[in-house]
Amino acid sequence: GKIGENMSIRRFVRVEAQGGLASYLHGGKIGVLVDI
């Protein structure tokens, strides 16, 4: 209502790491989580 444009939550993943989590986000469009 405030912005005047439709939006939706498409999908998500929750990760419990066996090692440690590292991430990379490119331009807000491509995201990666790595359990290393």
Full PDB file with SEQRES, HELIX, SHEET, SSBOND, CRYST1, ORIGX, SCALE, CONECT and MASTER records, all heavy atoms in Angstrom:
SEQRES   1 A   36  GLY LYS ILE GLY GLU ASN MET SER ILE ARG ARG PHE VAL          
SEQRES   2 A   36  ARG VAL GLU ALA GLN GLY GLY LEU ALA SER TYR LEU HIS          
SEQRES   3 A   36  GLY GLY LYS ILE GLY VAL LEU VAL ASP ILE                      
SHEET    1 AA1 2 LEU A  21  HIS A  26  0                                        
SHEET    2 AA1 2 ILE A  30  ASP A  35 -1                                        
CRYST1    1.000    1.000    1.000  90.00  90.00  90.00 P 1           1          
ORIGX1      1.000000  0.000000  0.000000        0.00000                         
ORIGX2      0.000000  1.000000  0.000000        0.00000                         
ORIGX3      0.000000  0.000000  1.000000        0.00000                         
SCALE1      1.000000  0.000000  0.000000        0.00000                         
SCALE2      0.000000  1.000000  0.000000        0.00000                         
SCALE3      0.000000  0.000000  1.000000        0.00000                         
ATOM      1  N   GLY A   1       0.810  -1.216   0.000  1.00  0.00           N  
ATOM      2  CA  GLY A   1       0.000   0.000   0.000  1.00  0.00           C  
ATOM      3  C   GLY A   1       0.840   1.260   0.000  1.00  0.00           C  
ATOM      4  O   GLY A   1       0.504   2.252  -0.655  1.00  0.00           O  
ATOM      5  N   LYS A   2       1.969   1.227   0.725  1.00  0.00           N  
ATOM      6  CA  LYS A   2       2.831   2.405   0.825  1.00  0.00           C  
ATOM      7  C   LYS A   2       3.616   2.655  -0.454  1.00  0.00           C  
ATOM      8  O   LYS A   2       3.706   3.787  -0.936  1.00  0.00           O  
ATOM      9  CB  LYS A   2       3.798   2.229   2.001  1.00  0.00           C  
ATOM     10  CG  LYS A   2       4.780   3.375   2.181  1.00  0.00           C  
ATOM     11  CD  LYS A   2       5.707   3.110   3.357  1.00  0.00           C  
ATOM     12  CE  LYS A   2       6.713   4.246   3.528  1.00  0.00           C  
ATOM     13  NZ  LYS A   2       7.632   4.004   4.670  1.00  0.00           N  
ATOM     14  N   ILE A   3       4.166   1.589  -1.020  1.00  0.00           N  
ATOM     15  CA  ILE A   3       5.035   1.728  -2.191  1.00  0.00           C  
ATOM     16  C   ILE A   3       4.247   1.703  -3.488  1.00  0.00           C  
ATOM     17  O   ILE A   3       4.632   2.292  -4.495  1.00  0.00           O  
ATOM     18  CB  ILE A   3       6.111   0.612  -2.181  1.00  0.00           C  
ATOM     19  CG1 ILE A   3       7.006   0.780  -0.943  1.00  0.00           C  
ATOM     20  CG2 ILE A   3       6.955   0.642  -3.442  1.00  0.00           C  
ATOM     21  CD1 ILE A   3       8.018  -0.331  -0.758  1.00  0.00           C  
ATOM     22  N   GLY A   4       3.110   0.989  -3.477  1.00  0.00           N  
ATOM     23  CA  GLY A   4       2.275   0.924  -4.672  1.00  0.00           C  
ATOM     24  C   GLY A   4       2.721  -0.116  -5.671  1.00  0.00           C  
ATOM     25  O   GLY A   4       2.472   0.018  -6.872  1.00  0.00           O  
ATOM     26  N   GLU A   5       3.411  -1.153  -5.182  1.00  0.00           N  
ATOM     27  CA  GLU A   5       3.876  -2.211  -6.069  1.00  0.00           C  
ATOM     28  C   GLU A   5       3.765  -3.550  -5.358  1.00  0.00           C  
ATOM     29  O   GLU A   5       4.080  -3.665  -4.169  1.00  0.00           O  
ATOM     30  CB  GLU A   5       5.332  -1.951  -6.475  1.00  0.00           C  
ATOM     31  CG  GLU A   5       5.885  -2.950  -7.458  1.00  0.00           C  
ATOM     32  CD  GLU A   5       7.236  -2.499  -8.030  1.00  0.00           C  
ATOM     33  OE1 GLU A   5       7.309  -1.343  -8.501  1.00  0.00           O  
ATOM     34  OE2 GLU A   5       8.179  -3.277  -7.988  1.00  0.00           O  
ATOM     35  N   ASN A   6       3.338  -4.564  -6.085  1.00  0.00           N  
ATOM     36  CA  ASN A   6       3.176  -5.878  -5.485  1.00  0.00           C  
ATOM     37  C   ASN A   6       4.538  -6.481  -5.130  1.00  0.00           C  
ATOM     38  O   ASN A   6       5.545  -6.220  -5.795  1.00  0.00           O  
ATOM     39  CB  ASN A   6       2.432  -6.807  -6.437  1.00  0.00           C  
ATOM     40  CG  ASN A   6       1.968  -8.066  -5.752  1.00  0.00           C  
ATOM     41  OD1 ASN A   6       1.782  -8.092  -4.542  1.00  0.00           O  
ATOM     42  ND2 ASN A   6       1.774  -9.121  -6.512  1.00  0.00           N  
ATOM     43  N   MET A   7       4.573  -7.290  -4.094  1.00  0.00           N  
ATOM     44  CA  MET A   7       5.791  -7.980  -3.688  1.00  0.00           C  
ATOM     45  C   MET A   7       5.414  -9.289  -3.018  1.00  0.00           C  
ATOM     46  O   MET A   7       4.319  -9.418  -2.445  1.00  0.00           O  
ATOM     47  CB  MET A   7       6.632  -7.108  -2.758  1.00  0.00           C  
ATOM     48  CG  MET A   7       5.921  -6.651  -1.505  1.00  0.00           C  
ATOM     49  SD  MET A   7       6.835  -5.361  -0.608  1.00  0.00           S  
ATOM     50  CE  MET A   7       6.666  -3.972  -1.733  1.00  0.00           C  
ATOM     51  N   SER A   8       6.298 -10.257  -3.089  1.00  0.00           N  
ATOM     52  CA  SER A   8       5.983 -11.569  -2.520  1.00  0.00           C  
ATOM     53  C   SER A   8       7.255 -12.269  -2.077  1.00  0.00           C  
ATOM     54  O   SER A   8       8.328 -12.066  -2.647  1.00  0.00           O  
ATOM     55  CB  SER A   8       5.253 -12.439  -3.551  1.00  0.00           C  
ATOM     56  OG  SER A   8       6.077 -12.654  -4.683  1.00  0.00           O  
ATOM     57  N   ILE A   9       7.110 -13.094  -1.033  1.00  0.00           N  
ATOM     58  CA  ILE A   9       8.211 -13.941  -0.597  1.00  0.00           C  
ATOM     59  C   ILE A   9       8.178 -15.193  -1.461  1.00  0.00           C  
ATOM     60  O   ILE A   9       7.201 -15.936  -1.437  1.00  0.00           O  
ATOM     61  CB  ILE A   9       8.069 -14.321   0.888  1.00  0.00           C  
ATOM     62  CG1 ILE A   9       8.059 -13.059   1.753  1.00  0.00           C  
ATOM     63  CG2 ILE A   9       9.194 -15.254   1.320  1.00  0.00           C  
ATOM     64  CD1 ILE A   9       7.704 -13.316   3.204  1.00  0.00           C  
ATOM     65  N   ARG A  10       9.239 -15.427  -2.212  1.00  0.00           N  
ATOM     66  CA  ARG A  10       9.227 -16.543  -3.155  1.00  0.00           C  
ATOM     67  C   ARG A  10       9.709 -17.844  -2.530  1.00  0.00           C  
ATOM     68  O   ARG A  10       9.089 -18.887  -2.682  1.00  0.00           O  
ATOM     69  CB  ARG A  10      10.089 -16.204  -4.375  1.00  0.00           C  
ATOM     70  CG  ARG A  10      10.055 -17.294  -5.447  1.00  0.00           C  
ATOM     71  CD  ARG A  10      10.630 -16.796  -6.753  1.00  0.00           C  
ATOM     72  NE  ARG A  10      10.484 -17.818  -7.779  1.00  0.00           N  
ATOM     73  CZ  ARG A  10      11.487 -18.533  -8.270  1.00  0.00           C  
ATOM     74  NH1 ARG A  10      12.712 -18.350  -7.815  1.00  0.00           N  
ATOM     75  NH2 ARG A  10      11.283 -19.434  -9.204  1.00  0.00           N  
ATOM     76  N   ARG A  11      10.838 -17.791  -1.803  1.00  0.00           N  
ATOM     77  CA  ARG A  11      11.400 -19.027  -1.250  1.00  0.00           C  
ATOM     78  C   ARG A  11      12.489 -18.692  -0.236  1.00  0.00           C  
ATOM     79  O   ARG A  11      12.997 -17.566  -0.214  1.00  0.00           O  
ATOM     80  CB  ARG A  11      11.995 -19.886  -2.363  1.00  0.00           C  
ATOM     81  CG  ARG A  11      13.002 -19.140  -3.238  1.00  0.00           C  
ATOM     82  CD  ARG A  11      13.494 -19.977  -4.390  1.00  0.00           C  
ATOM     83  NE  ARG A  11      14.301 -19.179  -5.314  1.00  0.00           N  
ATOM     84  CZ  ARG A  11      14.950 -19.671  -6.352  1.00  0.00           C  
ATOM     85  NH1 ARG A  11      14.891 -20.968  -6.609  1.00  0.00           N  
ATOM     86  NH2 ARG A  11      15.660 -18.896  -7.144  1.00  0.00           N  
ATOM     87  N   PHE A  12      12.843 -19.662   0.581  1.00  0.00           N  
ATOM     88  CA  PHE A  12      13.934 -19.482   1.533  1.00  0.00           C  
ATOM     89  C   PHE A  12      14.513 -20.847   1.902  1.00  0.00           C  
ATOM     90  O   PHE A  12      13.888 -21.888   1.711  1.00  0.00           O  
ATOM     91  CB  PHE A  12      13.469 -18.747   2.793  1.00  0.00           C  
ATOM     92  CG  PHE A  12      12.390 -19.451   3.569  1.00  0.00           C  
ATOM     93  CD1 PHE A  12      12.679 -20.480   4.463  1.00  0.00           C  
ATOM     94  CD2 PHE A  12      11.052 -19.083   3.405  1.00  0.00           C  
ATOM     95  CE1 PHE A  12      11.684 -21.126   5.175  1.00  0.00           C  
ATOM     96  CE2 PHE A  12      10.047 -19.725   4.116  1.00  0.00           C  
ATOM     97  CZ  PHE A  12      10.363 -20.747   5.005  1.00  0.00           C  
ATOM     98  N   VAL A  13      15.737 -20.808   2.426  1.00  0.00           N  
ATOM     99  CA  VAL A  13      16.410 -22.016   2.913  1.00  0.00           C  
ATOM    100  C   VAL A  13      17.081 -21.673   4.239  1.00  0.00           C  
ATOM    101  O   VAL A  13      17.688 -20.610   4.383  1.00  0.00           O  
ATOM    102  CB  VAL A  13      17.468 -22.532   1.916  1.00  0.00           C  
ATOM    103  CG1 VAL A  13      18.229 -23.716   2.504  1.00  0.00           C  
ATOM    104  CG2 VAL A  13      16.817 -22.939   0.602  1.00  0.00           C  
ATOM    105  N   ARG A  14      16.960 -22.575   5.195  1.00  0.00           N  
ATOM    106  CA  ARG A  14      17.621 -22.423   6.497  1.00  0.00           C  
ATOM    107  C   ARG A  14      18.679 -23.516   6.610  1.00  0.00           C  
ATOM    108  O   ARG A  14      18.397 -24.688   6.359  1.00  0.00           O  
ATOM    109  CB  ARG A  14      16.590 -22.549   7.616  1.00  0.00           C  
ATOM    110  CG  ARG A  14      17.120 -22.336   9.037  1.00  0.00           C  
ATOM    111  CD  ARG A  14      15.943 -22.439  10.002  1.00  0.00           C  
ATOM    112  NE  ARG A  14      16.297 -22.111  11.364  1.00  0.00           N  
ATOM    113  CZ  ARG A  14      16.736 -22.997  12.267  1.00  0.00           C  
ATOM    114  NH1 ARG A  14      16.916 -24.269  11.895  1.00  0.00           N  
ATOM    115  NH2 ARG A  14      17.009 -22.621  13.502  1.00  0.00           N  
ATOM    116  N   VAL A  15      19.893 -23.142   6.985  1.00  0.00           N  
ATOM    117  CA  VAL A  15      21.016 -24.085   7.007  1.00  0.00           C  
ATOM    118  C   VAL A  15      21.621 -24.159   8.409  1.00  0.00           C  
ATOM    119  O   VAL A  15      21.980 -23.125   8.986  1.00  0.00           O  
ATOM    120  CB  VAL A  15      22.118 -23.660   6.009  1.00  0.00           C  
ATOM    121  CG1 VAL A  15      23.291 -24.634   6.076  1.00  0.00           C  
ATOM    122  CG2 VAL A  15      21.554 -23.593   4.590  1.00  0.00           C  
ATOM    123  N   GLU A  16      21.712 -25.369   8.941  1.00  0.00           N  
ATOM    124  CA  GLU A  16      22.456 -25.615  10.175  1.00  0.00           C  
ATOM    125  C   GLU A  16      23.770 -26.271   9.769  1.00  0.00           C  
ATOM    126  O   GLU A  16      23.798 -27.413   9.314  1.00  0.00           O  
ATOM    127  CB  GLU A  16      21.649 -26.513  11.113  1.00  0.00           C  
ATOM    128  CG  GLU A  16      20.364 -25.857  11.609  1.00  0.00           C  
ATOM    129  CD  GLU A  16      19.610 -26.731  12.601  1.00  0.00           C  
ATOM    130  OE1 GLU A  16      20.213 -27.691  13.139  1.00  0.00           O  
ATOM    131  OE2 GLU A  16      18.418 -26.456  12.829  1.00  0.00           O  
ATOM    132  N   ALA A  17      24.864 -25.543   9.949  1.00  0.00           N  
ATOM    133  CA  ALA A  17      26.142 -25.956   9.386  1.00  0.00           C  
ATOM    134  C   ALA A  17      26.805 -27.071  10.189  1.00  0.00           C  
ATOM    135  O   ALA A  17      26.708 -27.122  11.411  1.00  0.00           O  
ATOM    136  CB  ALA A  17      27.082 -24.759   9.312  1.00  0.00           C  
ATOM    137  N   GLN A  18      27.493 -27.940   9.473  1.00  0.00           N  
ATOM    138  CA  GLN A  18      28.355 -28.930  10.115  1.00  0.00           C  
ATOM    139  C   GLN A  18      29.730 -28.323  10.381  1.00  0.00           C  
ATOM    140  O   GLN A  18      30.411 -28.685  11.333  1.00  0.00           O  
ATOM    141  CB  GLN A  18      28.485 -30.160   9.215  1.00  0.00           C  
ATOM    142  CG  GLN A  18      27.167 -30.892   8.998  1.00  0.00           C  
ATOM    143  CD  GLN A  18      27.333 -32.121   8.129  1.00  0.00           C  
ATOM    144  OE1 GLN A  18      28.422 -32.680   8.029  1.00  0.00           O  
ATOM    145  NE2 GLN A  18      26.256 -32.549   7.495  1.00  0.00           N  
ATOM    146  N   GLY A  19      30.133 -27.400   9.520  1.00  0.00           N  
ATOM    147  CA  GLY A  19      31.380 -26.678   9.718  1.00  0.00           C  
ATOM    148  C   GLY A  19      31.080 -25.244  10.098  1.00  0.00           C  
ATOM    149  O   GLY A  19      30.581 -24.969  11.180  1.00  0.00           O  
ATOM    150  N   GLY A  20      31.362 -24.318   9.194  1.00  0.00           N  
ATOM    151  CA  GLY A  20      31.036 -22.911   9.402  1.00  0.00           C  
ATOM    152  C   GLY A  20      30.438 -22.339   8.129  1.00  0.00           C  
ATOM    153  O   GLY A  20      30.737 -22.794   7.028  1.00  0.00           O  
ATOM    154  N   LEU A  21      29.583 -21.332   8.287  1.00  0.00           N  
ATOM    155  CA  LEU A  21      28.901 -20.743   7.143  1.00  0.00           C  
ATOM    156  C   LEU A  21      29.631 -19.512   6.620  1.00  0.00           C  
ATOM    157  O   LEU A  21      30.022 -18.631   7.388  1.00  0.00           O  
ATOM    158  CB  LEU A  21      27.469 -20.354   7.510  1.00  0.00           C  
ATOM    159  CG  LEU A  21      26.473 -21.499   7.680  1.00  0.00           C  
ATOM    160  CD1 LEU A  21      25.134 -20.941   8.142  1.00  0.00           C  
ATOM    161  CD2 LEU A  21      26.306 -22.285   6.389  1.00  0.00           C  
ATOM    162  N   ALA A  22      29.810 -19.487   5.316  1.00  0.00           N  
ATOM    163  CA  ALA A  22      30.325 -18.309   4.618  1.00  0.00           C  
ATOM    164  C   ALA A  22      29.311 -17.930   3.559  1.00  0.00           C  
ATOM    165  O   ALA A  22      28.513 -18.766   3.119  1.00  0.00           O  
ATOM    166  CB  ALA A  22      31.685 -18.604   3.997  1.00  0.00           C  
ATOM    167  N   SER A  23      29.324 -16.684   3.142  1.00  0.00           N  
ATOM    168  CA  SER A  23      28.314 -16.236   2.183  1.00  0.00           C  
ATOM    169  C   SER A  23      28.899 -15.275   1.174  1.00  0.00           C  
ATOM    170  O   SER A  23      29.979 -14.705   1.365  1.00  0.00           O  
ATOM    171  CB  SER A  23      27.156 -15.554   2.913  1.00  0.00           C  
ATOM    172  OG  SER A  23      27.590 -14.331   3.499  1.00  0.00           O  
ATOM    173  N   TYR A  24      28.139 -15.102   0.092  1.00  0.00           N  
ATOM    174  CA  TYR A  24      28.477 -14.097  -0.918  1.00  0.00           C  
ATOM    175  C   TYR A  24      27.171 -13.615  -1.529  1.00  0.00           C  
ATOM    176  O   TYR A  24      26.295 -14.407  -1.869  1.00  0.00           O  
ATOM    177  CB  TYR A  24      29.380 -14.682  -2.007  1.00  0.00           C  
ATOM    178  CG  TYR A  24      29.663 -13.698  -3.119  1.00  0.00           C  
ATOM    179  CD1 TYR A  24      30.471 -12.589  -2.896  1.00  0.00           C  
ATOM    180  CD2 TYR A  24      29.101 -13.862  -4.382  1.00  0.00           C  
ATOM    181  CE1 TYR A  24      30.725 -11.668  -3.906  1.00  0.00           C  
ATOM    182  CE2 TYR A  24      29.355 -12.942  -5.390  1.00  0.00           C  
ATOM    183  CZ  TYR A  24      30.170 -11.853  -5.153  1.00  0.00           C  
ATOM    184  OH  TYR A  24      30.403 -10.945  -6.143  1.00  0.00           O  
ATOM    185  N   LEU A  25      27.055 -12.303  -1.658  1.00  0.00           N  
ATOM    186  CA  LEU A  25      25.860 -11.689  -2.235  1.00  0.00           C  
ATOM    187  C   LEU A  25      26.301 -10.748  -3.338  1.00  0.00           C  
ATOM    188  O   LEU A  25      27.079  -9.816  -3.103  1.00  0.00           O  
ATOM    189  CB  LEU A  25      25.100 -10.924  -1.155  1.00  0.00           C  
ATOM    190  CG  LEU A  25      23.711 -10.378  -1.500  1.00  0.00           C  
ATOM    191  CD1 LEU A  25      22.777 -11.509  -1.900  1.00  0.00           C  
ATOM    192  CD2 LEU A  25      23.138  -9.624  -0.303  1.00  0.00           C  
ATOM    193  N   HIS A  26      25.834 -11.014  -4.556  1.00  0.00           N  
ATOM    194  CA  HIS A  26      26.240 -10.227  -5.718  1.00  0.00           C  
ATOM    195  C   HIS A  26      25.095  -9.338  -6.175  1.00  0.00           C  
ATOM    196  O   HIS A  26      24.100  -9.814  -6.729  1.00  0.00           O  
ATOM    197  CB  HIS A  26      26.664 -11.148  -6.864  1.00  0.00           C  
ATOM    198  CG  HIS A  26      27.125 -10.416  -8.086  1.00  0.00           C  
ATOM    199  ND1 HIS A  26      28.342  -9.785  -8.148  1.00  0.00           N  
ATOM    200  CD2 HIS A  26      26.518 -10.197  -9.282  1.00  0.00           C  
ATOM    201  CE1 HIS A  26      28.481  -9.219  -9.331  1.00  0.00           C  
ATOM    202  NE2 HIS A  26      27.388  -9.443 -10.036  1.00  0.00           N  
ATOM    203  N   GLY A  27      25.236  -8.040  -5.912  1.00  0.00           N  
ATOM    204  CA  GLY A  27      24.256  -7.072  -6.403  1.00  0.00           C  
ATOM    205  C   GLY A  27      22.847  -7.282  -5.886  1.00  0.00           C  
ATOM    206  O   GLY A  27      21.902  -6.756  -6.461  1.00  0.00           O  
ATOM    207  N   GLY A  28      22.706  -8.040  -4.825  1.00  0.00           N  
ATOM    208  CA  GLY A  28      21.386  -8.307  -4.292  1.00  0.00           C  
ATOM    209  C   GLY A  28      20.568  -9.289  -5.102  1.00  0.00           C  
ATOM    210  O   GLY A  28      19.445  -9.623  -4.733  1.00  0.00           O  
ATOM    211  N   LYS A  29      21.132  -9.793  -6.200  1.00  0.00           N  
ATOM    212  CA  LYS A  29      20.395 -10.662  -7.113  1.00  0.00           C  
ATOM    213  C   LYS A  29      20.818 -12.127  -7.011  1.00  0.00           C  
ATOM    214  O   LYS A  29      20.037 -13.030  -7.307  1.00  0.00           O  
ATOM    215  CB  LYS A  29      20.582 -10.193  -8.560  1.00  0.00           C  
ATOM    216  CG  LYS A  29      20.188  -8.756  -8.810  1.00  0.00           C  
ATOM    217  CD  LYS A  29      18.719  -8.516  -8.612  1.00  0.00           C  
ATOM    218  CE  LYS A  29      18.336  -7.099  -8.988  1.00  0.00           C  
ATOM    219  NZ  LYS A  29      16.912  -6.813  -8.737  1.00  0.00           N  
ATOM    220  N   ILE A  30      22.074 -12.367  -6.648  1.00  0.00           N  
ATOM    221  CA  ILE A  30      22.588 -13.722  -6.545  1.00  0.00           C  
ATOM    222  C   ILE A  30      23.178 -13.902  -5.151  1.00  0.00           C  
ATOM    223  O   ILE A  30      24.045 -13.124  -4.741  1.00  0.00           O  
ATOM    224  CB  ILE A  30      23.673 -14.003  -7.602  1.00  0.00           C  
ATOM    225  CG1 ILE A  30      23.117 -13.799  -9.012  1.00  0.00           C  
ATOM    226  CG2 ILE A  30      24.220 -15.419  -7.454  1.00  0.00           C  
ATOM    227  CD1 ILE A  30      24.168 -13.887 -10.100  1.00  0.00           C  
ATOM    228  N   GLY A  31      22.716 -14.903  -4.432  1.00  0.00           N  
ATOM    229  CA  GLY A  31      23.216 -15.146  -3.083  1.00  0.00           C  
ATOM    230  C   GLY A  31      23.630 -16.594  -2.906  1.00  0.00           C  
ATOM    231  O   GLY A  31      22.997 -17.496  -3.452  1.00  0.00           O  
ATOM    232  N   VAL A  32      24.698 -16.803  -2.153  1.00  0.00           N  
ATOM    233  CA  VAL A  32      25.218 -18.152  -1.925  1.00  0.00           C  
ATOM    234  C   VAL A  32      25.585 -18.313  -0.452  1.00  0.00           C  
ATOM    235  O   VAL A  32      26.217 -17.437   0.141  1.00  0.00           O  
ATOM    236  CB  VAL A  32      26.473 -18.424  -2.782  1.00  0.00           C  
ATOM    237  CG1 VAL A  32      27.004 -19.827  -2.502  1.00  0.00           C  
ATOM    238  CG2 VAL A  32      26.168 -18.251  -4.264  1.00  0.00           C  
ATOM    239  N   LEU A  33      25.194 -19.447   0.125  1.00  0.00           N  
ATOM    240  CA  LEU A  33      25.638 -19.858   1.456  1.00  0.00           C  
ATOM    241  C   LEU A  33      26.463 -21.128   1.299  1.00  0.00           C  
ATOM    242  O   LEU A  33      26.048 -22.054   0.605  1.00  0.00           O  
ATOM    243  CB  LEU A  33      24.446 -20.164   2.373  1.00  0.00           C  
ATOM    244  CG  LEU A  33      23.810 -19.027   3.165  1.00  0.00           C  
ATOM    245  CD1 LEU A  33      22.631 -19.570   3.974  1.00  0.00           C  
ATOM    246  CD2 LEU A  33      24.812 -18.359   4.093  1.00  0.00           C  
ATOM    247  N   VAL A  34      27.624 -21.177   1.946  1.00  0.00           N  
ATOM    248  CA  VAL A  34      28.494 -22.345   1.866  1.00  0.00           C  
ATOM    249  C   VAL A  34      28.801 -22.848   3.271  1.00  0.00           C  
ATOM    250  O   VAL A  34      29.182 -22.074   4.150  1.00  0.00           O  
ATOM    251  CB  VAL A  34      29.818 -21.998   1.142  1.00  0.00           C  
ATOM    252  CG1 VAL A  34      30.784 -23.167   1.221  1.00  0.00           C  
ATOM    253  CG2 VAL A  34      29.552 -21.650  -0.313  1.00  0.00           C  
ATOM    254  N   ASP A  35      28.615 -24.135   3.469  1.00  0.00           N  
ATOM    255  CA  ASP A  35      29.003 -24.807   4.714  1.00  0.00           C  
ATOM    256  C   ASP A  35      30.374 -25.425   4.482  1.00  0.00           C  
ATOM    257  O   ASP A  35      30.518 -26.355   3.698  1.00  0.00           O  
ATOM    258  CB  ASP A  35      27.963 -25.880   5.052  1.00  0.00           C  
ATOM    259  CG  ASP A  35      28.263 -26.614   6.351  1.00  0.00           C  
ATOM    260  OD1 ASP A  35      29.293 -26.315   6.981  1.00  0.00           O  
ATOM    261  OD2 ASP A  35      27.473 -27.504   6.718  1.00  0.00           O  
ATOM    262  N   ILE A  36      31.387 -24.891   5.149  1.00  0.00           N  
ATOM    263  CA  ILE A  36      32.752 -25.318   4.876  1.00  0.00           C  
ATOM    264  C   ILE A  36      33.459 -25.770   6.149  1.00  0.00           C  
ATOM    265  O   ILE A  36      33.290 -25.172   7.217  1.00  0.00           O  
ATOM    266  CB  ILE A  36      33.547 -24.183   4.186  1.00  0.00           C  
ATOM    267  CG1 ILE A  36      34.909 -24.680   3.705  1.00  0.00           C  
ATOM    268  CG2 ILE A  36      33.687 -22.978   5.101  1.00  0.00           C  
ATOM    269  CD1 ILE A  36      35.588 -23.756   2.721  1.00  0.00           C  
TER     270      ILE A  36                                                      
MASTER        0    0    0    0    2    0    0    6  269    1    0    3          
END                                                                             
